[in-house]
Amino acid sequence: MTRTKGGAALSGWKLSLLAGLCGILIGGLAVSLWFNLRGGAGRAQTEEIVRNYILEHGEVLPEAIERMQRRQARTAVLQNRQALERPYRAAWAGAENGDVVMVQFFDYACPYCQQVNADVERLLREDPRLKVVWREYPVLGPNSEAAAAASMAAAEQGRWRQFHARLFALGRPTEAALQQAVRDTGVTPGAVTDAMRAEVTRNGEMARAIGATGTPTFVIGEQVLQGAVGYDALKAAIAQARAGRRS
């Protein structure tokens, strides 16, 4: 998975989780202290009990952080569901009214996005009820931004799928590769519009809200999957989301 500027935002997110977790531990310490003092135990004895437990069961800290991250990500997904699943023009594929929507935040300069693209295409071929929505998340430099602008122009001209496949086939989005993809797919490049800027800004806000640490990041049902997780993991998440709709 490619790390992005979103990692800086996530650091603050993790700090807030740690702060919350520390608050829980401190609260637990206070309650424990109160009961122990009422029972005659001293403060030092109570603090030693808590300290020893944390030292002996340190695994509870990462487990608690991971659980809190999943809970916060799920809340953010539910709050942003409509915006997440609403594509930018033609930047989507599959069933228009699919029963499951898989959202992918991607960057053309991300090698892992290129790697996972074959898995996404396979899922689209195999699953007639799946809808895929791609969200531009150009955070890896000027080439990423130029590729995203051309990609959104392709989406506005109804040539997004062709452009997307061609640029990934050419490798990294160098200026030469970008020009080649534009020529090969008949896309007419133009100036970056306010609508394009607003789309990229909105995508960044949503990515940070769900705790994305880089690209690719997938949203499937209520799950957030990060990195090139592979075909099997994506298919399992789709099946789980579909089962959740039926229950």
Protein backbone atom coordinates (compact mmCIF):
# COMPACT_ATOMS: atom_id res chain seq x y z
CA MET A 1 0.00 0.00 0.00
CA THR A 2 1.28 3.44 -0.88
CA ARG A 3 1.46 5.83 2.05
CA THR A 4 0.07 9.27 1.38
CA LYS A 5 -0.42 12.67 2.91
CA GLY A 6 -3.43 11.13 4.58
CA GLY A 7 -0.99 9.41 6.90
CA ALA A 8 -0.36 12.72 8.68
CA ALA A 9 -4.07 13.10 9.29
CA LEU A 10 -4.27 9.54 10.48
CA SER A 11 -1.50 10.13 13.00
CA GLY A 12 -3.75 12.64 14.73
CA TRP A 13 -6.61 10.17 14.44
CA LYS A 14 -4.54 7.51 16.19
CA LEU A 15 -3.47 9.97 18.84
CA SER A 16 -7.11 10.68 19.60
CA LEU A 17 -7.74 6.94 19.87
CA LEU A 18 -4.80 6.56 22.22
CA ALA A 19 -6.04 9.49 24.27
CA GLY A 20 -9.45 7.89 24.51
CA LEU A 21 -7.94 4.55 25.46
CA CYS A 22 -5.80 6.19 28.13
CA GLY A 23 -8.94 7.85 29.44
CA ILE A 24 -10.59 4.45 29.73
CA LEU A 25 -7.58 3.05 31.57
CA ILE A 26 -7.42 6.06 33.88
CA GLY A 27 -11.14 5.76 34.53
CA GLY A 28 -10.72 2.08 35.29
CA LEU A 29 -7.84 2.91 37.60
CA ALA A 30 -9.96 5.45 39.44
CA VAL A 31 -12.81 2.99 39.96
CA SER A 32 -10.40 0.25 41.01
CA LEU A 33 -8.67 2.66 43.37
CA TRP A 34 -11.96 3.72 44.93
CA PHE A 35 -13.01 0.13 45.61
CA ASN A 36 -9.60 -0.89 46.89
CA LEU A 37 -9.32 2.09 49.19
CA ARG A 38 -12.78 1.32 50.56
CA GLY A 39 -11.60 -2.22 51.11
CA GLY A 40 -8.47 -1.06 52.86
CA ALA A 41 -5.96 -1.43 50.02
CA GLY A 42 -3.52 1.44 49.54
CA ARG A 43 -3.03 3.56 46.43
CA ALA A 44 0.40 2.09 45.72
CA GLN A 45 -1.00 -1.44 45.84
CA THR A 46 -3.82 -0.57 43.46
CA GLU A 47 -1.49 1.13 40.98
CA GLU A 48 0.79 -1.90 41.09
CA ILE A 49 -2.14 -4.20 40.26
CA VAL A 50 -3.10 -2.12 37.23
CA ARG A 51 0.52 -1.73 36.09
CA ASN A 52 1.20 -5.46 36.32
CA TYR A 53 -1.94 -6.27 34.37
CA ILE A 54 -0.95 -3.95 31.52
CA LEU A 55 2.59 -5.33 31.46
CA GLU A 56 1.38 -8.93 31.43
CA HIS A 57 -1.42 -8.29 28.91
CA GLY A 58 0.07 -5.64 26.65
CA GLU A 59 -1.76 -7.16 23.70
CA VAL A 60 -4.97 -5.56 24.91
CA LEU A 61 -3.71 -2.11 23.84
CA PRO A 62 -3.30 -2.78 20.07
CA GLU A 63 -6.46 -4.89 20.14
CA ALA A 64 -8.39 -2.03 21.72
CA ILE A 65 -6.94 0.51 19.27
CA GLU A 66 -7.81 -1.70 16.28
CA ARG A 67 -11.36 -2.18 17.55
CA MET A 68 -11.82 1.55 18.06
CA GLN A 69 -10.42 2.24 14.57
CA ARG A 70 -12.89 -0.17 13.00
CA ARG A 71 -15.75 1.36 14.94
CA GLN A 72 -14.82 4.91 13.92
CA ALA A 73 -14.30 3.87 10.29
CA ARG A 74 -17.70 2.15 10.22
CA THR A 75 -19.36 5.27 11.63
CA ALA A 76 -17.67 7.45 9.00
CA VAL A 77 -18.76 5.08 6.22
CA LEU A 78 -22.37 5.16 7.38
CA GLN A 79 -22.32 8.95 7.65
CA ASN A 80 -20.83 9.38 4.16
CA ARG A 81 -22.52 6.46 2.39
CA GLN A 82 -24.32 8.45 -0.31
CA ALA A 83 -21.32 10.64 -1.12
CA LEU A 84 -18.98 7.66 -1.21
CA GLU A 85 -21.13 5.68 -3.62
CA ARG A 86 -21.98 8.59 -5.93
CA PRO A 87 -19.52 8.42 -8.86
CA TYR A 88 -17.93 11.34 -10.61
CA ARG A 89 -19.59 11.26 -14.02
CA ALA A 90 -18.63 7.97 -15.74
CA ALA A 91 -16.05 6.81 -13.19
CA TRP A 92 -17.91 3.62 -12.35
CA ALA A 93 -18.60 0.18 -13.80
CA GLY A 94 -20.83 -2.85 -13.35
CA ALA A 95 -24.48 -2.90 -12.42
CA GLU A 96 -25.97 0.59 -12.33
CA ASN A 97 -28.20 -0.41 -9.43
CA GLY A 98 -25.93 -3.04 -7.97
CA ASP A 99 -26.88 -4.62 -4.68
CA VAL A 100 -23.29 -4.07 -3.44
CA VAL A 101 -21.15 -1.04 -4.24
CA MET A 102 -17.39 -1.33 -3.94
CA VAL A 103 -15.68 2.05 -3.65
CA GLN A 104 -11.96 2.36 -4.42
CA PHE A 105 -9.77 5.34 -3.58
CA PHE A 106 -6.82 5.19 -5.97
CA ASP A 107 -3.84 7.04 -7.40
CA TYR A 108 -2.45 6.35 -10.88
CA ALA A 109 1.09 6.64 -9.50
CA CYS A 110 0.43 3.93 -6.92
CA PRO A 111 1.91 0.56 -8.01
CA TYR A 112 -0.43 -1.28 -5.67
CA CYS A 113 -3.46 0.29 -7.37
CA GLN A 114 -2.09 -0.97 -10.67
CA GLN A 115 -1.57 -4.40 -9.14
CA VAL A 116 -5.08 -4.68 -7.69
CA ASN A 117 -6.77 -3.40 -10.85
CA ALA A 118 -6.78 -6.93 -12.33
CA ASP A 119 -8.62 -8.22 -9.24
CA VAL A 120 -11.26 -5.50 -9.56
CA GLU A 121 -11.78 -6.24 -13.25
CA ARG A 122 -12.11 -9.95 -12.49
CA LEU A 123 -14.77 -9.27 -9.88
CA LEU A 124 -16.69 -7.12 -12.36
CA ARG A 125 -16.61 -9.92 -14.94
CA GLU A 126 -17.75 -12.56 -12.46
CA ASP A 127 -20.34 -10.63 -10.45
CA PRO A 128 -23.22 -9.12 -12.48
CA ARG A 129 -24.73 -7.53 -9.36
CA LEU A 130 -21.61 -5.60 -8.33
CA LYS A 131 -21.08 -1.88 -8.89
CA VAL A 132 -17.61 -0.35 -8.61
CA VAL A 133 -17.07 3.35 -8.01
CA TRP A 134 -13.56 4.80 -8.34
CA ARG A 135 -12.55 7.90 -6.40
CA GLU A 136 -9.55 9.98 -7.47
CA TYR A 137 -7.07 10.39 -4.61
CA PRO A 138 -3.98 11.96 -6.22
CA VAL A 139 -1.56 12.39 -3.35
CA LEU A 140 1.74 11.16 -4.77
CA GLY A 141 2.87 14.27 -6.58
CA PRO A 142 2.38 16.33 -9.74
CA ASN A 143 2.11 13.31 -12.05
CA SER A 144 -0.72 11.97 -9.88
CA GLU A 145 -2.53 15.28 -10.07
CA ALA A 146 -2.12 15.54 -13.86
CA ALA A 147 -3.35 11.98 -14.32
CA ALA A 148 -6.37 12.63 -12.09
CA ALA A 149 -7.29 15.74 -14.10
CA ALA A 150 -7.12 13.80 -17.38
CA SER A 151 -9.04 10.93 -15.79
CA MET A 152 -11.86 13.23 -14.68
CA ALA A 153 -11.96 14.76 -18.16
CA ALA A 154 -12.32 11.23 -19.52
CA ALA A 155 -15.16 10.62 -17.06
CA GLU A 156 -16.92 13.75 -18.28
CA GLN A 157 -16.52 12.57 -21.89
CA GLY A 158 -17.78 9.04 -21.24
CA ARG A 159 -14.35 7.48 -21.90
CA TRP A 160 -13.29 6.79 -18.36
CA ARG A 161 -13.01 2.98 -18.47
CA GLN A 162 -10.91 3.09 -21.63
CA PHE A 163 -8.61 5.77 -20.23
CA HIS A 164 -8.26 4.06 -16.87
CA ALA A 165 -7.28 0.73 -18.40
CA ARG A 166 -4.91 2.30 -20.94
CA LEU A 167 -3.00 4.47 -18.47
CA PHE A 168 -2.52 1.60 -16.04
CA ALA A 169 -1.33 -0.58 -18.94
CA LEU A 170 1.32 2.03 -19.76
CA GLY A 171 2.75 1.94 -16.24
CA ARG A 172 3.54 4.98 -14.13
CA PRO A 173 1.77 8.18 -15.19
CA THR A 174 4.72 10.02 -16.69
CA GLU A 175 3.98 12.95 -18.97
CA ALA A 176 4.70 10.77 -22.01
CA ALA A 177 2.44 7.94 -20.78
CA LEU A 178 -0.34 10.39 -20.01
CA GLN A 179 -0.17 11.92 -23.46
CA GLN A 180 -0.18 8.44 -25.00
CA ALA A 181 -3.25 7.38 -23.00
CA VAL A 182 -5.10 10.56 -23.99
CA ARG A 183 -4.33 9.99 -27.69
CA ASP A 184 -5.18 6.30 -27.60
CA THR A 185 -8.56 6.81 -25.94
CA GLY A 186 -9.62 9.97 -27.76
CA VAL A 187 -9.89 12.05 -24.60
CA THR A 188 -9.82 15.81 -25.06
CA PRO A 189 -7.77 17.23 -22.18
CA GLY A 190 -8.66 20.64 -20.87
CA ALA A 191 -8.11 22.99 -17.97
CA VAL A 192 -8.74 21.79 -14.43
CA THR A 193 -12.23 22.95 -13.52
CA ASP A 194 -13.76 23.96 -10.22
CA ALA A 195 -15.80 20.74 -10.34
CA MET A 196 -12.62 18.67 -10.58
CA ARG A 197 -10.97 20.53 -7.71
CA ALA A 198 -14.08 20.09 -5.60
CA GLU A 199 -14.14 16.37 -6.37
CA VAL A 200 -10.52 15.84 -5.32
CA THR A 201 -11.04 17.89 -2.16
CA ARG A 202 -14.17 15.96 -1.27
CA ASN A 203 -12.43 12.63 -1.89
CA GLY A 204 -9.57 13.64 0.40
CA GLU A 205 -11.99 14.58 3.15
CA MET A 206 -13.84 11.27 2.86
CA ALA A 207 -10.59 9.27 2.76
CA ARG A 208 -9.38 10.91 5.94
CA ALA A 209 -12.76 10.42 7.59
CA ILE A 210 -12.65 6.66 7.06
CA GLY A 211 -9.04 6.50 8.25
CA ALA A 212 -7.40 5.75 4.89
CA THR A 213 -3.63 5.59 5.29
CA GLY A 214 -2.88 5.34 1.58
CA THR A 215 -3.94 3.79 -1.70
CA PRO A 216 -5.66 1.64 -2.63
CA THR A 217 -8.38 1.86 0.00
CA PHE A 218 -11.69 0.04 -0.50
CA VAL A 219 -15.08 0.59 1.10
CA ILE A 220 -17.38 -2.43 0.81
CA GLY A 221 -20.53 -2.49 2.86
CA GLU A 222 -19.44 -1.26 6.26
CA GLN A 223 -15.85 -2.46 5.88
CA VAL A 224 -12.75 -0.44 5.02
CA LEU A 225 -9.97 -2.52 3.45
CA GLN A 226 -6.58 -0.93 2.94
CA GLY A 227 -3.85 -1.97 0.52
CA ALA A 228 -3.71 -4.48 -2.32
CA VAL A 229 -5.62 -7.02 -0.25
CA GLY A 230 -6.21 -9.33 -3.21
CA TYR A 231 -9.11 -10.95 -5.00
CA ASP A 232 -10.14 -13.34 -2.22
CA ALA A 233 -10.38 -10.63 0.45
CA LEU A 234 -12.40 -8.35 -1.83
CA LYS A 235 -14.74 -11.16 -2.83
CA ALA A 236 -15.27 -12.15 0.81
CA ALA A 237 -16.09 -8.55 1.77
CA ILE A 238 -18.59 -8.32 -1.10
CA ALA A 239 -20.25 -11.56 0.03
CA GLN A 240 -20.44 -10.28 3.61
CA ALA A 241 -21.97 -6.98 2.47
CA ARG A 242 -24.50 -8.85 0.36
CA ALA A 243 -25.42 -11.13 3.25
CA GLY A 244 -25.88 -8.08 5.47
CA ARG A 245 -28.37 -6.60 3.03
CA ARG A 246 -30.45 -9.77 3.14
CA SER A 247 -30.49 -10.06 6.93
